[in-house]
Amino acid sequence: MIFEYKCQNGDAIIERDFAIGKASKEVSCSCGSSAKRHFGSMSFQLNGGGWPGKSSKFDKEMTKRNEAAGKRMRKEHDPPPKLIDQR
């Protein structure tokens, strides 16, 4: 997760990426003073593979499934063909 720290000497906000449960309460700021954890807006990163949109294989499979489902829906909802009396 990304954690925010606020510098003790100024208004600088520092962002650091730590594993959940591994974030420290203080980090050092670029000015040399310490920065304490600041609870601002929450954010997180999704890492690794397997997330939708990351794999062309996933995209192709979903496109194929959606097209097949669309064809089934059209068949189910098409009106019946009109019968022509040929007497």
N, C-alpha and C. Protein backbone atom coordinates (compact mmCIF):
# COMPACT_ATOMS: atom_id res chain seq x y z
N MET A 1 0.84 -1.18 0.00
CA MET A 1 0.00 0.00 0.00
C MET A 1 0.88 1.23 0.00
N ILE A 2 0.31 2.30 -0.44
CA ILE A 2 1.03 3.57 -0.45
C ILE A 2 0.61 4.36 0.79
N PHE A 3 1.60 4.75 1.58
CA PHE A 3 1.35 5.50 2.81
C PHE A 3 1.88 6.91 2.65
N GLU A 4 1.20 7.86 3.26
CA GLU A 4 1.62 9.26 3.22
C GLU A 4 2.25 9.65 4.55
N TYR A 5 3.30 10.45 4.45
CA TYR A 5 4.00 10.97 5.63
C TYR A 5 4.11 12.47 5.48
N LYS A 6 3.94 13.19 6.58
CA LYS A 6 4.02 14.66 6.56
C LYS A 6 5.28 15.09 7.30
N CYS A 7 6.06 15.94 6.64
CA CYS A 7 7.32 16.44 7.20
C CYS A 7 7.04 17.29 8.44
N GLN A 8 7.87 17.13 9.47
CA GLN A 8 7.71 17.89 10.72
C GLN A 8 8.14 19.35 10.57
N ASN A 9 9.06 19.65 9.63
CA ASN A 9 9.53 21.03 9.45
C ASN A 9 8.70 21.84 8.47
N GLY A 10 7.99 21.20 7.60
CA GLY A 10 7.23 21.93 6.59
C GLY A 10 5.94 21.21 6.25
N ASP A 11 5.41 21.57 5.11
CA ASP A 11 4.15 20.97 4.67
C ASP A 11 4.35 19.88 3.62
N ALA A 12 5.57 19.41 3.45
CA ALA A 12 5.85 18.40 2.44
C ALA A 12 5.15 17.08 2.79
N ILE A 13 4.56 16.47 1.78
CA ILE A 13 3.92 15.17 1.93
C ILE A 13 4.77 14.16 1.14
N ILE A 14 5.16 13.09 1.80
CA ILE A 14 5.99 12.06 1.20
C ILE A 14 5.16 10.80 1.06
N GLU A 15 5.25 10.14 -0.09
CA GLU A 15 4.54 8.88 -0.30
C GLU A 15 5.56 7.75 -0.32
N ARG A 16 5.28 6.67 0.40
CA ARG A 16 6.15 5.50 0.43
C ARG A 16 5.28 4.26 0.25
N ASP A 17 5.82 3.29 -0.45
CA ASP A 17 5.12 2.03 -0.71
C ASP A 17 5.62 0.96 0.26
N PHE A 18 4.73 0.43 1.08
CA PHE A 18 5.07 -0.62 2.05
C PHE A 18 4.04 -1.74 1.94
N ALA A 19 4.44 -2.93 2.32
CA ALA A 19 3.48 -4.03 2.42
C ALA A 19 2.56 -3.74 3.61
N ILE A 20 1.35 -4.26 3.55
CA ILE A 20 0.39 -4.03 4.62
C ILE A 20 0.97 -4.60 5.92
N GLY A 21 0.94 -3.81 6.97
CA GLY A 21 1.45 -4.22 8.26
C GLY A 21 2.95 -3.96 8.43
N LYS A 22 3.63 -3.50 7.38
CA LYS A 22 5.07 -3.28 7.45
C LYS A 22 5.44 -1.80 7.44
N ALA A 23 4.47 -0.91 7.36
CA ALA A 23 4.74 0.52 7.29
C ALA A 23 5.24 1.04 8.63
N SER A 24 6.25 1.88 8.58
CA SER A 24 6.76 2.46 9.83
C SER A 24 5.97 3.73 10.15
N LYS A 25 6.01 4.14 11.42
CA LYS A 25 5.27 5.33 11.84
C LYS A 25 6.00 6.62 11.46
N GLU A 26 7.32 6.51 11.28
CA GLU A 26 8.12 7.67 10.88
C GLU A 26 9.12 7.27 9.81
N VAL A 27 9.38 8.19 8.90
CA VAL A 27 10.42 8.03 7.89
C VAL A 27 11.23 9.31 7.85
N SER A 28 12.39 9.27 7.22
CA SER A 28 13.19 10.50 7.13
C SER A 28 12.80 11.28 5.88
N CYS A 29 12.75 12.57 6.03
CA CYS A 29 12.39 13.48 4.95
C CYS A 29 13.66 13.89 4.20
N SER A 30 13.51 14.40 2.99
CA SER A 30 14.68 14.83 2.21
C SER A 30 15.38 16.03 2.85
N CYS A 31 14.68 16.79 3.71
CA CYS A 31 15.30 17.94 4.37
C CYS A 31 16.11 17.51 5.60
N GLY A 32 16.03 16.24 5.97
CA GLY A 32 16.78 15.72 7.11
C GLY A 32 15.96 15.51 8.36
N SER A 33 14.78 16.09 8.44
CA SER A 33 13.93 15.90 9.62
C SER A 33 13.08 14.64 9.45
N SER A 34 12.34 14.30 10.46
CA SER A 34 11.49 13.12 10.37
C SER A 34 10.11 13.51 9.86
N ALA A 35 9.45 12.52 9.29
CA ALA A 35 8.09 12.72 8.78
C ALA A 35 7.22 11.64 9.42
N LYS A 36 6.09 12.06 9.98
CA LYS A 36 5.18 11.11 10.63
C LYS A 36 4.07 10.71 9.66
N ARG A 37 3.57 9.50 9.90
CA ARG A 37 2.51 8.99 9.03
C ARG A 37 1.30 9.91 9.09
N HIS A 38 0.79 10.20 7.92
CA HIS A 38 -0.33 11.12 7.75
C HIS A 38 -1.46 10.36 7.07
N PHE A 39 -2.65 10.42 7.63
CA PHE A 39 -3.78 9.71 7.04
C PHE A 39 -4.55 10.65 6.14
N GLY A 40 -4.15 10.67 4.90
CA GLY A 40 -4.83 11.48 3.89
C GLY A 40 -5.73 10.58 3.07
N SER A 41 -5.76 10.83 1.80
CA SER A 41 -6.59 10.00 0.92
C SER A 41 -5.95 8.61 0.81
N MET A 42 -6.77 7.60 0.84
CA MET A 42 -6.28 6.23 0.78
C MET A 42 -6.05 5.84 -0.67
N SER A 43 -4.99 5.09 -0.91
CA SER A 43 -4.72 4.57 -2.24
C SER A 43 -4.02 3.23 -2.12
N PHE A 44 -4.10 2.43 -3.19
CA PHE A 44 -3.43 1.14 -3.20
C PHE A 44 -3.07 0.79 -4.63
N GLN A 45 -2.15 -0.16 -4.77
CA GLN A 45 -1.71 -0.62 -6.07
C GLN A 45 -2.03 -2.10 -6.22
N LEU A 46 -2.45 -2.49 -7.41
CA LEU A 46 -2.67 -3.89 -7.72
C LEU A 46 -1.46 -4.38 -8.50
N ASN A 47 -0.71 -5.30 -7.93
CA ASN A 47 0.48 -5.82 -8.58
C ASN A 47 0.25 -7.26 -9.01
N GLY A 48 1.04 -7.71 -9.97
CA GLY A 48 0.98 -9.10 -10.40
C GLY A 48 0.10 -9.27 -11.62
N GLY A 49 0.07 -10.47 -12.12
CA GLY A 49 -0.72 -10.77 -13.30
C GLY A 49 -2.11 -11.24 -12.93
N GLY A 50 -2.91 -11.47 -13.94
CA GLY A 50 -4.23 -12.02 -13.72
C GLY A 50 -5.33 -10.99 -13.55
N TRP A 51 -4.99 -9.70 -13.61
CA TRP A 51 -6.03 -8.68 -13.47
C TRP A 51 -6.65 -8.42 -14.83
N PRO A 52 -7.97 -8.24 -14.89
CA PRO A 52 -8.63 -7.98 -16.17
C PRO A 52 -7.99 -6.78 -16.88
N GLY A 53 -7.81 -6.93 -18.17
CA GLY A 53 -7.22 -5.86 -18.95
C GLY A 53 -5.71 -5.98 -19.07
N LYS A 54 -5.08 -6.83 -18.29
CA LYS A 54 -3.64 -6.98 -18.32
C LYS A 54 -3.21 -8.08 -19.31
N SER A 55 -4.12 -8.94 -19.69
CA SER A 55 -3.77 -10.09 -20.50
C SER A 55 -4.57 -10.10 -21.79
N SER A 56 -3.88 -10.20 -22.92
CA SER A 56 -4.60 -10.27 -24.19
C SER A 56 -5.35 -11.59 -24.29
N LYS A 57 -4.84 -12.65 -23.64
CA LYS A 57 -5.55 -13.94 -23.64
C LYS A 57 -6.90 -13.78 -22.94
N PHE A 58 -6.93 -13.08 -21.82
CA PHE A 58 -8.17 -12.84 -21.09
C PHE A 58 -9.14 -12.03 -21.96
N ASP A 59 -8.63 -10.97 -22.62
CA ASP A 59 -9.47 -10.14 -23.47
C ASP A 59 -10.09 -10.94 -24.61
N LYS A 60 -9.29 -11.80 -25.25
CA LYS A 60 -9.80 -12.61 -26.36
C LYS A 60 -10.87 -13.57 -25.89
N GLU A 61 -10.64 -14.22 -24.75
CA GLU A 61 -11.61 -15.17 -24.21
C GLU A 61 -12.93 -14.47 -23.87
N MET A 62 -12.86 -13.31 -23.24
CA MET A 62 -14.08 -12.59 -22.88
C MET A 62 -14.81 -12.09 -24.12
N THR A 63 -14.07 -11.64 -25.13
CA THR A 63 -14.71 -11.20 -26.37
C THR A 63 -15.45 -12.36 -27.03
N LYS A 64 -14.82 -13.53 -27.05
CA LYS A 64 -15.45 -14.71 -27.65
C LYS A 64 -16.73 -15.08 -26.88
N ARG A 65 -16.66 -15.05 -25.55
CA ARG A 65 -17.84 -15.39 -24.73
C ARG A 65 -18.96 -14.36 -24.92
N ASN A 66 -18.61 -13.08 -24.99
CA ASN A 66 -19.63 -12.04 -25.17
C ASN A 66 -20.31 -12.15 -26.54
N GLU A 67 -19.53 -12.46 -27.57
CA GLU A 67 -20.12 -12.61 -28.90
C GLU A 67 -21.07 -13.81 -28.94
N ALA A 68 -20.68 -14.92 -28.32
CA ALA A 68 -21.55 -16.11 -28.28
C ALA A 68 -22.83 -15.81 -27.50
N ALA A 69 -22.72 -15.10 -26.40
CA ALA A 69 -23.90 -14.75 -25.60
C ALA A 69 -24.82 -13.82 -26.40
N GLY A 70 -24.24 -12.89 -27.15
CA GLY A 70 -25.04 -11.98 -27.97
C GLY A 70 -25.81 -12.72 -29.04
N LYS A 71 -25.19 -13.72 -29.66
CA LYS A 71 -25.88 -14.51 -30.69
C LYS A 71 -27.04 -15.29 -30.07
N ARG A 72 -26.81 -15.88 -28.89
CA ARG A 72 -27.90 -16.60 -28.21
C ARG A 72 -29.05 -15.67 -27.88
N MET A 73 -28.75 -14.48 -27.40
CA MET A 73 -29.80 -13.53 -27.04
C MET A 73 -30.61 -13.11 -28.26
N ARG A 74 -29.93 -12.88 -29.40
CA ARG A 74 -30.65 -12.48 -30.62
C ARG A 74 -31.58 -13.60 -31.08
N LYS A 75 -31.12 -14.85 -30.99
CA LYS A 75 -31.96 -15.98 -31.41
C LYS A 75 -33.19 -16.11 -30.53
N GLU A 76 -33.02 -15.90 -29.24
CA GLU A 76 -34.14 -16.04 -28.31
C GLU A 76 -35.16 -14.92 -28.46
N HIS A 77 -34.74 -13.74 -28.87
CA HIS A 77 -35.64 -12.59 -28.90
C HIS A 77 -36.08 -12.18 -30.31
N ASP A 78 -35.60 -12.87 -31.34
CA ASP A 78 -36.05 -12.55 -32.69
C ASP A 78 -37.51 -12.97 -32.83
N PRO A 79 -38.29 -12.19 -33.55
CA PRO A 79 -39.70 -12.60 -33.75
C PRO A 79 -39.74 -13.84 -34.64
N PRO A 80 -40.76 -14.68 -34.50
CA PRO A 80 -40.86 -15.86 -35.35
C PRO A 80 -41.04 -15.44 -36.81
N PRO A 81 -40.59 -16.24 -37.73
CA PRO A 81 -40.73 -15.87 -39.15
C PRO A 81 -42.20 -15.82 -39.54
N LYS A 82 -42.53 -14.91 -40.45
CA LYS A 82 -43.91 -14.79 -40.93
C LYS A 82 -44.22 -15.94 -41.90
N LEU A 83 -45.38 -16.49 -41.71
CA LEU A 83 -45.80 -17.58 -42.59
C LEU A 83 -46.53 -16.99 -43.77
N ILE A 84 -46.19 -17.46 -44.95
CA ILE A 84 -46.82 -16.97 -46.18
C ILE A 84 -47.75 -18.06 -46.69
N ASP A 85 -48.98 -17.67 -46.88
CA ASP A 85 -49.97 -18.62 -47.40
C ASP A 85 -49.80 -18.72 -48.91
N GLN A 86 -49.44 -19.89 -49.38
CA GLN A 86 -49.17 -20.07 -50.82
C GLN A 86 -50.28 -20.90 -51.49
N ARG A 87 -51.52 -20.70 -51.17
CA ARG A 87 -52.61 -21.45 -51.80
C ARG A 87 -53.00 -20.90 -53.12
